[in-house]
C-alpha atoms as a PDB file:
ATOM      1  CA  MET A   1       0.000   0.000   0.000  1.00  0.00           C
ATOM      2  CA  GLY A   2       1.380   3.400  -0.930  1.00  0.00           C
ATOM      3  CA  PHE A   3       0.592   6.996  -0.263  1.00  0.00           C
ATOM      4  CA  ALA A   4      -1.180   7.296  -3.625  1.00  0.00           C
ATOM      5  CA  GLU A   5      -3.780   4.741  -2.572  1.00  0.00           C
ATOM      6  CA  THR A   6      -4.156   6.443   0.822  1.00  0.00           C
ATOM      7  CA  PHE A   7      -4.641   9.896  -0.698  1.00  0.00           C
ATOM      8  CA  LYS A   8      -7.087   8.490  -3.242  1.00  0.00           C
ATOM      9  CA  ALA A   9      -9.124   6.957  -0.412  1.00  0.00           C
ATOM     10  CA  LEU A  10      -9.054  10.239   1.513  1.00  0.00           C
ATOM     11  CA  SER A  11     -10.064  12.273  -1.535  1.00  0.00           C
ATOM     12  CA  ASP A  12     -13.720  11.231  -1.365  1.00  0.00           C
ATOM     13  CA  PRO A  13     -15.977  13.125   1.087  1.00  0.00           C
ATOM     14  CA  ALA A  14     -18.088  10.026   1.833  1.00  0.00           C
ATOM     15  CA  ARG A  15     -14.999   8.033   2.785  1.00  0.00           C
ATOM     16  CA  ARG A  16     -13.779  10.865   4.992  1.00  0.00           C
ATOM     17  CA  GLU A  17     -17.186  10.888   6.685  1.00  0.00           C
ATOM     18  CA  ILE A  18     -16.979   7.122   7.225  1.00  0.00           C
ATOM     19  CA  LEU A  19     -13.581   7.600   8.879  1.00  0.00           C
ATOM     20  CA  MET A  20     -15.068  10.267  11.150  1.00  0.00           C
ATOM     21  CA  LEU A  21     -17.814   7.828  12.154  1.00  0.00           C
ATOM     22  CA  LEU A  22     -15.256   5.102  12.834  1.00  0.00           C
ATOM     23  CA  LYS A  23     -13.242   7.528  14.936  1.00  0.00           C
ATOM     24  CA  LYS A  24     -16.003   7.186  17.556  1.00  0.00           C
ATOM     25  CA  GLY A  25     -15.708   3.386  17.616  1.00  0.00           C
ATOM     26  CA  ARG A  26     -16.416   0.244  15.648  1.00  0.00           C
ATOM     27  CA  LEU A  27     -19.570   0.051  13.586  1.00  0.00           C
ATOM     28  CA  SER A  28     -21.310  -2.496  11.430  1.00  0.00           C
ATOM     29  CA  ALA A  29     -21.873  -1.780   7.751  1.00  0.00           C
ATOM     30  CA  GLY A  30     -25.564  -1.262   8.499  1.00  0.00           C
ATOM     31  CA  GLU A  31     -24.778   1.290  11.187  1.00  0.00           C
ATOM     32  CA  ILE A  32     -22.490   3.129   8.778  1.00  0.00           C
ATOM     33  CA  SER A  33     -25.088   2.991   6.000  1.00  0.00           C
ATOM     34  CA  SER A  34     -27.704   4.580   8.256  1.00  0.00           C
ATOM     35  CA  HIS A  35     -25.741   7.835   8.133  1.00  0.00           C
ATOM     36  CA  PHE A  36     -25.916   8.083   4.332  1.00  0.00           C
ATOM     37  CA  GLU A  37     -28.578   8.295   1.654  1.00  0.00           C
ATOM     38  CA  THR A  38     -26.848   5.797  -0.631  1.00  0.00           C
ATOM     39  CA  THR A  39     -27.175   2.079  -1.215  1.00  0.00           C
ATOM     40  CA  GLY A  40     -25.511  -0.560   0.888  1.00  0.00           C
ATOM     41  CA  ALA A  41     -23.484  -1.528  -2.172  1.00  0.00           C
ATOM     42  CA  THR A  42     -22.071   1.992  -2.379  1.00  0.00           C
ATOM     43  CA  ILE A  43     -21.076   1.933   1.292  1.00  0.00           C
ATOM     44  CA  SER A  44     -19.503  -1.485   0.779  1.00  0.00           C
ATOM     45  CA  TYR A  45     -17.507  -0.063  -2.146  1.00  0.00           C
ATOM     46  CA  HIS A  46     -16.223   2.802   0.037  1.00  0.00           C
ATOM     47  CA  LEU A  47     -15.381   0.432   2.892  1.00  0.00           C
ATOM     48  CA  ASN A  48     -13.371  -1.784   0.545  1.00  0.00           C
ATOM     49  CA  ILE A  49     -11.348   1.197  -0.663  1.00  0.00           C
ATOM     50  CA  LEU A  50     -10.684   2.238   2.944  1.00  0.00           C
ATOM     51  CA  LYS A  51      -9.591  -1.311   3.811  1.00  0.00           C
ATOM     52  CA  ARG A  52      -7.265  -1.558   0.785  1.00  0.00           C
ATOM     53  CA  ALA A  53      -5.708   1.764   1.738  1.00  0.00           C
ATOM     54  CA  GLY A  54      -5.112   0.491   5.269  1.00  0.00           C
ATOM     55  CA  LEU A  55      -7.372   3.123   6.823  1.00  0.00           C
ATOM     56  CA  ALA A  56      -9.946   0.677   8.192  1.00  0.00           C
ATOM     57  CA  PHE A  57     -10.125  -2.981   9.070  1.00  0.00           C
ATOM     58  CA  GLU A  58     -12.919  -5.438   9.628  1.00  0.00           C
ATOM     59  CA  SER A  59     -13.622  -8.079  12.218  1.00  0.00           C
ATOM     60  CA  ARG A  60     -16.312 -10.733  12.115  1.00  0.00           C
ATOM     61  CA  GLU A  61     -18.503 -11.707  15.022  1.00  0.00           C
ATOM     62  CA  LYS A  62     -21.205 -14.281  14.390  1.00  0.00           C
ATOM     63  CA  ASN A  63     -23.307 -12.875  11.512  1.00  0.00           C
ATOM     64  CA  PHE A  64     -21.925  -9.340  11.694  1.00  0.00           C
ATOM     65  CA  ILE A  65     -18.928  -7.586  10.205  1.00  0.00           C
ATOM     66  CA  TYR A  66     -17.634  -4.624  12.182  1.00  0.00           C
ATOM     67  CA  TYR A  67     -15.348  -1.920  10.860  1.00  0.00           C
ATOM     68  CA  GLU A  68     -12.770   0.018  12.828  1.00  0.00           C
ATOM     69  CA  LEU A  69     -10.409   2.875  12.124  1.00  0.00           C
ATOM     70  CA  ASP A  70      -6.779   1.902  11.552  1.00  0.00           C
ATOM     71  CA  THR A  71      -4.572   4.882  12.363  1.00  0.00           C
ATOM     72  CA  SER A  72      -1.211   3.313  11.489  1.00  0.00           C
ATOM     73  CA  VAL A  73      -1.275   4.508   7.865  1.00  0.00           C
ATOM     74  CA  LEU A  74      -2.458   7.956   8.923  1.00  0.00           C
ATOM     75  CA  GLU A  75       0.460   8.146  11.340  1.00  0.00           C
ATOM     76  CA  GLU A  76       2.861   7.299   8.502  1.00  0.00           C
ATOM     77  CA  VAL A  77       1.335  10.013   6.296  1.00  0.00           C
ATOM     78  CA  LEU A  78       1.505  12.575   9.107  1.00  0.00           C
ATOM     79  CA  LEU A  79       5.135  11.666   9.785  1.00  0.00           C
ATOM     80  CA  TRP A  80       5.968  12.034   6.101  1.00  0.00           C
ATOM     81  CA  LEU A  81       4.188  15.403   5.921  1.00  0.00           C
ATOM     82  CA  SER A  82       5.943  16.541   9.082  1.00  0.00           C
ATOM     83  CA  ASP A  83       9.321  15.522   7.632  1.00  0.00           C
ATOM     84  CA  LEU A  84       8.474  17.318   4.404  1.00  0.00           C
ATOM     85  CA  LYS A  85       7.493  20.464   6.279  1.00  0.00           C
ATOM     86  CA  GLY A  86      10.625  20.232   8.393  1.00  0.00           C
ATOM     87  CA  ALA A  87      12.812  19.980   5.295  1.00  0.00           C
ATOM     88  CA  ASP A  88      11.243  23.161   3.903  1.00  0.00           C
ATOM     89  CA  ALA A  89      11.728  24.954   7.228  1.00  0.00           C
ATOM     90  CA  GLN A  90      15.415  23.996   7.285  1.00  0.00           C
ATOM     91  CA  ASP A  91      15.882  25.301   3.754  1.00  0.00           C
ATOM     92  CA  GLY A  92      14.468  28.675   4.801  1.00  0.00           C
ATOM     93  CA  LYS A  93      11.331  28.342   2.684  1.00  0.00           C
END
């Protein structure tokens, strides 16, 4: 997984909203869908993109699939951005 896939996942407002929902705790796909006026298939599509980008993960319990925020990739992106900003600051820019 690279930064391009992460930034692509973050570029969509619906996916950003899903991440904000997951920030509060794990949710089932149905619970996530209840916050949107789109089909379950559309939410599933967004969740798959977030999983591939490493921004969310799923766990199964009985007949339910729960989704949770995975902050490890976000931490890597923030570190990279911080390093990039630091390099500019050292160059006097």
